[in-house]
Amino acid sequence: MCRLADCFLVPPCSPFVRFTILPVVPLFRWSFVSSPVDIPGPKAFIPLVGLVGGIGSGKSTIARGLAQRMPVAILDADRSGHDTLRQPEVKVALRQAFGDSIFDPLQEVQRAQLAALVFGSDDRARQNRQTLEQIVHPVIRADIRRQLQEARDRGQVQAVLLDAPIL
């Protein structure tokens, strides 16, 4: 098993993302790995590595490959985003901002309907996207911080990988 302090080992599992064994040197750590996780309590350095890329770029495959080779925790921002859309207080805020048209008969958010309102290049779509981000990003950040705390409390990981479309 590779120690994170020694290298990052990732198989070439995606044509869009290529990694190899990279020595972890101070310059590399500062350019790729964040500072210690900012969580209250005694600090132990647990690097937070962001895996960022588009849909189908191999982020999750790389994260799973690393997890098979070394003790790392994986935080899935997409899953946090989906979970956030199911929270009652978020649904209330979304209903106030976007109306009933984004909800199905079971009162779940229809992501395709919401996407139609927020993805586009016109001013209305940009404003809608900002509104959506103001509603969901604080909740997603809180969930990711909670997951970071849980990973830190377990104390059996050398790093935390954040699988996210954006940082």
Foldseek 3Di string as FASTA:
>chain_A
DDFVQAWQDFPCPFPQDDDHTDGDDPVNCPVFWPFAQPDDDDTDRATEGEDADDPPNCLVVRVVRRVVVFFEAEAELVVLQQVLQVDPVLLVQCCVLPNDPQADPVRGGNVVVLCVQQDDDDPRNVVSVVSNCVRRVVSSVVVVSVVVVVSVVVVRGNHYYYYDNPD
